[in-house]
Every structure is written in C-alpha cells, then in structure tokens.
C-alpha cells in the first residue's frame, strides 16, 4: 500500500491562489502516474489533474490554465498550484495513484479548499 497525506487547503476568496501538497510513502511513487482528485459536498469524486512519472501532465478542462500539477520523485511528493480560484473549486482535495495497483489503495483524509466571497 501507498499512504498519502494531503495538506495546504484553506479558506480563500475568489481570485486567490493556494498550493496543495501531497506526501506519499513507499517506493512505488516514483514509478507510477499520480493524480489530484476533488470531491464537493454531495458530488462524486472527480479527477482534477494527472502527472506521469516523467512529468507529462493532464487537466480537467475547467481547471486548465489555472492549476499546475508537479511532482518530486526524489522526495515522494506532489503539488497542485491553484490560481484564480473560483467558488466552484470548493471541495476536499485528495491525491492518489493511477492504475490497477491503486484500485483498492486507501484514500487519505484530503485537504479542504473553500472559496467564498
């Protein structure tokens, strides 16, 4: 199993920025694709951004150009820089691996982001 611990969330106003951090345990991190997910109240969890072991990234269309995902394989960490935040970005954000090996991998507690005017 890989354990993930998310941090960096908070209460911000529209247009503000936040950077979320994810710390992972285990040796698999550097060899697997990773993702940031979010879950708003009453909604299903959705993928926000993905990153391959080599650093190729992908984004949900609604965050394209505002969010940036990065990773540091040497430190087993991943970040999500979020700019121009909108109320619809309000959610609990999680990090997790991508692929069959992570199908039953535990989720961390997540870090909440609230954007309100």
Protein backbone atom coordinates (compact mmCIF):
# COMPACT_ATOMS: atom_id res chain seq x y z
CA UNK A 1 0.00 0.00 0.00
CA UNK A 2 0.94 3.61 -0.55
CA UNK A 3 -0.21 6.11 2.02
CA UNK A 4 -0.99 9.67 1.00
CA UNK A 5 -1.17 12.74 3.24
CA UNK A 6 -2.60 15.92 1.77
CA UNK A 7 -2.11 19.43 3.14
CA UNK A 8 -2.30 23.08 2.23
CA UNK A 9 -6.02 23.68 1.90
CA UNK A 10 -7.79 26.66 3.36
CA UNK A 11 -10.43 29.35 3.15
CA UNK A 12 -9.79 31.85 0.37
CA UNK A 13 -11.61 34.43 -1.70
CA UNK A 14 -12.30 34.22 -5.45
CA UNK A 15 -9.19 35.02 -7.45
CA UNK A 16 -6.82 33.91 -4.71
CA UNK A 17 -4.19 31.19 -5.02
CA UNK A 18 -3.33 28.10 -2.99
CA UNK A 19 -0.75 25.36 -3.31
CA UNK A 20 -1.67 21.90 -2.10
CA UNK A 21 0.93 19.32 -1.13
CA UNK A 22 0.85 15.54 -1.11
CA UNK A 23 3.33 13.32 0.69
CA UNK A 24 3.45 9.64 -0.23
CA UNK A 25 5.04 6.65 1.47
CA UNK A 26 6.50 3.64 -0.28
CA UNK A 27 8.82 3.04 -3.17
CA UNK A 28 6.15 2.92 -5.89
CA UNK A 29 5.57 6.66 -6.06
CA UNK A 30 8.35 7.45 -8.49
CA UNK A 31 7.28 4.77 -10.98
CA UNK A 32 3.54 5.39 -11.11
CA UNK A 33 1.26 8.03 -12.55
CA UNK A 34 -0.42 10.18 -9.93
CA UNK A 35 -3.44 12.40 -9.74
CA UNK A 36 -5.19 15.04 -7.73
CA UNK A 37 -8.89 14.46 -7.17
CA UNK A 38 -11.58 16.56 -5.54
CA UNK A 39 -14.96 15.90 -4.05
CA UNK A 40 -17.51 18.61 -3.44
CA UNK A 41 -20.31 18.12 -0.97
CA UNK A 42 -22.99 15.91 -2.45
CA UNK A 43 -20.99 15.14 -5.57
CA UNK A 44 -18.81 12.29 -6.75
CA UNK A 45 -15.04 12.45 -6.58
CA UNK A 46 -13.52 13.69 -9.83
CA UNK A 47 -10.05 13.83 -11.32
CA UNK A 48 -8.56 17.32 -11.40
CA UNK A 49 -5.06 16.77 -12.74
CA UNK A 50 -2.74 13.91 -13.60
CA UNK A 51 1.01 13.51 -13.96
CA UNK A 52 3.11 10.67 -15.34
CA UNK A 53 6.36 9.51 -13.73
CA UNK A 54 8.18 11.56 -16.34
CA UNK A 55 6.17 14.69 -15.70
CA UNK A 56 3.62 14.74 -18.50
CA UNK A 57 0.50 16.43 -17.22
CA UNK A 58 -3.23 16.43 -17.91
CA UNK A 59 -6.01 18.62 -16.56
CA UNK A 60 -9.74 18.73 -16.21
CA UNK A 61 -10.96 21.30 -18.68
CA UNK A 62 -12.45 23.60 -16.06
CA UNK A 63 -9.07 23.98 -14.31
CA UNK A 64 -6.88 24.08 -17.44
CA UNK A 65 -4.69 27.15 -17.33
CA UNK A 66 -5.39 27.81 -13.64
CA UNK A 67 -3.99 24.70 -11.93
CA UNK A 68 -0.49 23.23 -12.23
CA UNK A 69 0.48 19.77 -11.04
CA UNK A 70 4.09 18.90 -10.26
CA UNK A 71 5.93 16.07 -8.58
CA UNK A 72 9.29 15.43 -6.95
CA UNK A 73 10.09 11.75 -7.28
CA UNK A 74 13.15 12.03 -5.07
CA UNK A 75 11.04 13.33 -2.19
CA UNK A 76 7.87 11.30 -2.90
CA UNK A 77 5.86 14.49 -3.04
CA UNK A 78 3.38 16.08 -5.38
CA UNK A 79 1.88 19.56 -5.50
CA UNK A 80 -1.10 21.31 -7.03
CA UNK A 81 -0.71 25.02 -7.55
CA UNK A 82 -4.13 26.61 -7.91
CA UNK A 83 -4.60 30.16 -9.13
CA UNK A 84 -7.65 32.31 -9.86
CA UNK A 85 -9.74 30.15 -7.58
CA UNK A 86 -13.50 30.12 -8.09
CA UNK A 87 -16.35 29.17 -5.74
CA UNK A 88 -16.90 26.04 -7.85
CA UNK A 89 -13.39 24.87 -6.88
CA UNK A 90 -14.66 24.40 -3.33
CA UNK A 91 -14.10 20.75 -2.41
CA UNK A 92 -11.94 18.35 -0.45
CA UNK A 93 -8.83 17.57 -2.48
CA UNK A 94 -7.11 14.19 -2.47
CA UNK A 95 -4.04 12.66 -4.09
CA UNK A 96 -3.88 9.08 -5.29
CA UNK A 97 -2.07 6.83 -7.69
CA UNK A 98 -3.47 5.85 -11.06
CA UNK A 99 -3.83 2.30 -12.28
CA UNK A 100 -4.92 -1.17 -11.24
CA UNK A 101 -2.47 -1.30 -8.35
CA UNK A 102 -4.26 1.63 -6.74
CA UNK A 103 -7.80 0.31 -7.21
CA UNK A 104 -8.10 -0.61 -3.55
CA UNK A 105 -5.40 1.69 -2.17
CA UNK A 106 -6.63 3.67 0.83
CA UNK A 107 -7.52 7.32 0.41
CA UNK A 108 -6.04 9.95 2.68
CA UNK A 109 -8.14 12.39 4.65
CA UNK A 110 -7.83 15.03 1.98
CA UNK A 111 -7.41 18.76 2.45
CA UNK A 112 -10.41 21.09 2.23
CA UNK A 113 -10.48 24.13 -0.02
CA UNK A 114 -13.25 26.68 0.40
CA UNK A 115 -13.59 29.60 -1.98
CA UNK A 116 -16.15 32.17 -0.94
CA UNK A 117 -16.78 35.84 -1.47
